[in-house]
Amino acid sequence: MKKIEAIIKPFKLDEVKEALHEVGLQGITVTEAKGFGRQKGHTELYRGAEYVVDFLPKVKIEVVLEDSLVERALEAIQQAARTGRIGDGKIFVSSVEEVIRIRTGEKGPEAI
């Protein structure tokens, strides 16, 4: 099993959710996040004073899935989240040792 974490632009969330649903994934976790990378930040004007916005709003999507679905899920996220501009985000893939559904005690792929 693998865990995919994707940091994307907030307005791309619905497109990514739909793309993952089409791949066959049922559950995802979404967290509001702030951060910066190469995009850095930008300056804004507030009441005549200029200030720097270092951390830009992002959305973090997490999904745990079977190995057989990873490539299709990665492709779906990339295509749905891409704008072609700096700040489109990143995807991280890591191994998951175990999954347990708390309600039933199911383990492994059955618990996903």
C-alpha atoms as a PDB file:
ATOM      1  CA  MET A   1       0.000   0.000   0.000  1.00  0.00           C
ATOM      2  CA  LYS A   2       1.080   3.564  -0.662  1.00  0.00           C
ATOM      3  CA  LYS A   3       0.169   6.996   0.632  1.00  0.00           C
ATOM      4  CA  ILE A   4      -0.029   9.853  -1.838  1.00  0.00           C
ATOM      5  CA  GLU A   5       0.221  13.390  -0.494  1.00  0.00           C
ATOM      6  CA  ALA A   6      -0.420  16.153  -3.004  1.00  0.00           C
ATOM      7  CA  ILE A   7      -0.049  19.861  -2.343  1.00  0.00           C
ATOM      8  CA  ILE A   8      -2.112  21.762  -4.916  1.00  0.00           C
ATOM      9  CA  LYS A   9      -3.719  25.128  -5.594  1.00  0.00           C
ATOM     10  CA  PRO A  10      -7.063  25.413  -3.763  1.00  0.00           C
ATOM     11  CA  PHE A  11      -9.147  26.122  -6.875  1.00  0.00           C
ATOM     12  CA  LYS A  12      -8.006  22.797  -8.385  1.00  0.00           C
ATOM     13  CA  LEU A  13      -9.435  20.692  -5.540  1.00  0.00           C
ATOM     14  CA  ASP A  14     -12.747  19.803  -7.202  1.00  0.00           C
ATOM     15  CA  GLU A  15     -11.036  18.766 -10.448  1.00  0.00           C
ATOM     16  CA  VAL A  16      -8.540  16.565  -8.584  1.00  0.00           C
ATOM     17  CA  LYS A  17     -11.312  15.024  -6.464  1.00  0.00           C
ATOM     18  CA  GLU A  18     -13.292  14.142  -9.593  1.00  0.00           C
ATOM     19  CA  ALA A  19     -10.212  12.726 -11.326  1.00  0.00           C
ATOM     20  CA  LEU A  20      -9.439  10.482  -8.335  1.00  0.00           C
ATOM     21  CA  HIS A  21     -13.057   9.358  -8.175  1.00  0.00           C
ATOM     22  CA  GLU A  22     -12.852   8.307 -11.845  1.00  0.00           C
ATOM     23  CA  VAL A  23      -9.750   6.229 -11.025  1.00  0.00           C
ATOM     24  CA  GLY A  24     -11.819   4.387  -8.432  1.00  0.00           C
ATOM     25  CA  LEU A  25     -10.657   5.962  -5.200  1.00  0.00           C
ATOM     26  CA  GLN A  26     -13.408   6.428  -2.655  1.00  0.00           C
ATOM     27  CA  GLY A  27     -11.879   8.326   0.236  1.00  0.00           C
ATOM     28  CA  ILE A  28      -9.482  11.232   0.476  1.00  0.00           C
ATOM     29  CA  THR A  29      -8.439  13.555   3.272  1.00  0.00           C
ATOM     30  CA  VAL A  30      -8.179  17.268   2.528  1.00  0.00           C
ATOM     31  CA  THR A  31      -6.376  19.813   4.688  1.00  0.00           C
ATOM     32  CA  GLU A  32      -5.987  23.537   4.172  1.00  0.00           C
ATOM     33  CA  ALA A  33      -2.303  24.425   4.147  1.00  0.00           C
ATOM     34  CA  LYS A  34       0.002  27.371   3.629  1.00  0.00           C
ATOM     35  CA  GLY A  35       3.485  27.272   2.226  1.00  0.00           C
ATOM     36  CA  PHE A  36       5.945  28.402  -0.369  1.00  0.00           C
ATOM     37  CA  GLY A  37       8.605  26.954  -2.595  1.00  0.00           C
ATOM     38  CA  ARG A  38       9.964  28.391  -5.806  1.00  0.00           C
ATOM     39  CA  GLN A  39       6.816  30.482  -6.017  1.00  0.00           C
ATOM     40  CA  LYS A  40       8.113  32.391  -2.971  1.00  0.00           C
ATOM     41  CA  GLY A  41       5.456  34.875  -1.975  1.00  0.00           C
ATOM     42  CA  HIS A  42       4.244  38.211  -3.183  1.00  0.00           C
ATOM     43  CA  THR A  43       3.706  41.730  -1.907  1.00  0.00           C
ATOM     44  CA  GLU A  44       0.295  43.211  -1.255  1.00  0.00           C
ATOM     45  CA  LEU A  45      -0.949  46.642  -0.343  1.00  0.00           C
ATOM     46  CA  TYR A  46      -3.101  47.136   2.766  1.00  0.00           C
ATOM     47  CA  ARG A  47      -4.194  50.630   3.821  1.00  0.00           C
ATOM     48  CA  GLY A  48      -1.323  52.148   1.917  1.00  0.00           C
ATOM     49  CA  ALA A  49       1.311  49.899   3.487  1.00  0.00           C
ATOM     50  CA  GLU A  50       3.093  47.247   1.476  1.00  0.00           C
ATOM     51  CA  TYR A  51       3.648  43.883   3.106  1.00  0.00           C
ATOM     52  CA  VAL A  52       5.001  40.518   2.038  1.00  0.00           C
ATOM     53  CA  VAL A  53       2.795  37.435   1.917  1.00  0.00           C
ATOM     54  CA  ASP A  54       5.315  34.626   2.440  1.00  0.00           C
ATOM     55  CA  PHE A  55       2.937  31.712   2.822  1.00  0.00           C
ATOM     56  CA  LEU A  56       0.469  31.115   0.024  1.00  0.00           C
ATOM     57  CA  PRO A  57      -2.787  29.179   0.454  1.00  0.00           C
ATOM     58  CA  LYS A  58      -2.620  25.559  -0.691  1.00  0.00           C
ATOM     59  CA  VAL A  59      -4.603  22.370  -0.199  1.00  0.00           C
ATOM     60  CA  LYS A  60      -3.072  19.084   0.913  1.00  0.00           C
ATOM     61  CA  ILE A  61      -4.749  15.908  -0.309  1.00  0.00           C
ATOM     62  CA  GLU A  62      -3.906  12.570   1.281  1.00  0.00           C
ATOM     63  CA  VAL A  63      -5.004   9.186   0.000  1.00  0.00           C
ATOM     64  CA  VAL A  64      -3.942   5.633   0.880  1.00  0.00           C
ATOM     65  CA  LEU A  65      -4.349   3.098  -1.893  1.00  0.00           C
ATOM     66  CA  GLU A  66      -3.248  -0.257  -3.198  1.00  0.00           C
ATOM     67  CA  ASP A  67      -0.036  -0.381  -5.231  1.00  0.00           C
ATOM     68  CA  SER A  68      -1.938  -1.291  -8.403  1.00  0.00           C
ATOM     69  CA  LEU A  69      -3.734   2.089  -8.430  1.00  0.00           C
ATOM     70  CA  VAL A  70      -0.750   4.342  -7.728  1.00  0.00           C
ATOM     71  CA  GLU A  71       0.307   5.159 -11.303  1.00  0.00           C
ATOM     72  CA  ARG A  72      -3.244   5.932 -12.430  1.00  0.00           C
ATOM     73  CA  ALA A  73      -3.834   8.111  -9.364  1.00  0.00           C
ATOM     74  CA  LEU A  74      -0.583  10.023  -9.892  1.00  0.00           C
ATOM     75  CA  GLU A  75      -1.446  10.690 -13.525  1.00  0.00           C
ATOM     76  CA  ALA A  76      -4.960  11.812 -12.568  1.00  0.00           C
ATOM     77  CA  ILE A  77      -3.645  14.258  -9.967  1.00  0.00           C
ATOM     78  CA  GLN A  78      -1.013  15.673 -12.312  1.00  0.00           C
ATOM     79  CA  GLN A  79      -3.446  16.265 -15.145  1.00  0.00           C
ATOM     80  CA  ALA A  80      -6.200  17.726 -12.961  1.00  0.00           C
ATOM     81  CA  ALA A  81      -3.935  19.994 -10.873  1.00  0.00           C
ATOM     82  CA  ARG A  82      -1.676  21.327 -13.632  1.00  0.00           C
ATOM     83  CA  THR A  83      -2.072  24.950 -14.697  1.00  0.00           C
ATOM     84  CA  GLY A  84       1.365  25.261 -16.266  1.00  0.00           C
ATOM     85  CA  ARG A  85       2.313  28.072 -13.909  1.00  0.00           C
ATOM     86  CA  ILE A  86       4.712  28.171 -10.998  1.00  0.00           C
ATOM     87  CA  GLY A  87       3.120  26.967  -7.755  1.00  0.00           C
ATOM     88  CA  ASP A  88       1.129  24.058  -9.213  1.00  0.00           C
ATOM     89  CA  GLY A  89       2.356  21.953  -6.291  1.00  0.00           C
ATOM     90  CA  LYS A  90       4.069  18.680  -5.513  1.00  0.00           C
ATOM     91  CA  ILE A  91       3.162  15.030  -5.050  1.00  0.00           C
ATOM     92  CA  PHE A  92       4.825  12.763  -2.500  1.00  0.00           C
ATOM     93  CA  VAL A  93       4.494   8.966  -2.463  1.00  0.00           C
ATOM     94  CA  SER A  94       5.417   6.868   0.577  1.00  0.00           C
ATOM     95  CA  SER A  95       4.936   3.283   1.713  1.00  0.00           C
ATOM     96  CA  VAL A  96       2.265   2.386   4.257  1.00  0.00           C
ATOM     97  CA  GLU A  97       2.972  -0.537   6.563  1.00  0.00           C
ATOM     98  CA  GLU A  98      -0.529  -1.128   7.867  1.00  0.00           C
ATOM     99  CA  VAL A  99      -4.075   0.209   7.710  1.00  0.00           C
ATOM    100  CA  ILE A 100      -6.712  -0.581  10.318  1.00  0.00           C
ATOM    101  CA  ARG A 101     -10.367   0.433  10.139  1.00  0.00           C
ATOM    102  CA  ILE A 102     -11.201   1.445  13.699  1.00  0.00           C
ATOM    103  CA  ARG A 103     -14.908   0.570  13.543  1.00  0.00           C
ATOM    104  CA  THR A 104     -14.542  -3.026  12.298  1.00  0.00           C
ATOM    105  CA  GLY A 105     -10.932  -3.933  13.014  1.00  0.00           C
ATOM    106  CA  GLU A 106     -10.351  -4.775   9.327  1.00  0.00           C
ATOM    107  CA  LYS A 107      -6.700  -4.628   8.306  1.00  0.00           C
ATOM    108  CA  GLY A 108      -4.733  -4.105   5.111  1.00  0.00           C
ATOM    109  CA  PRO A 109      -6.395  -3.416   1.740  1.00  0.00           C
ATOM    110  CA  GLU A 110      -9.842  -4.313   3.129  1.00  0.00           C
ATOM    111  CA  ALA A 111      -9.542  -1.376   5.534  1.00  0.00           C
ATOM    112  CA  ILE A 112      -8.917   1.161   2.788  1.00  0.00           C
END
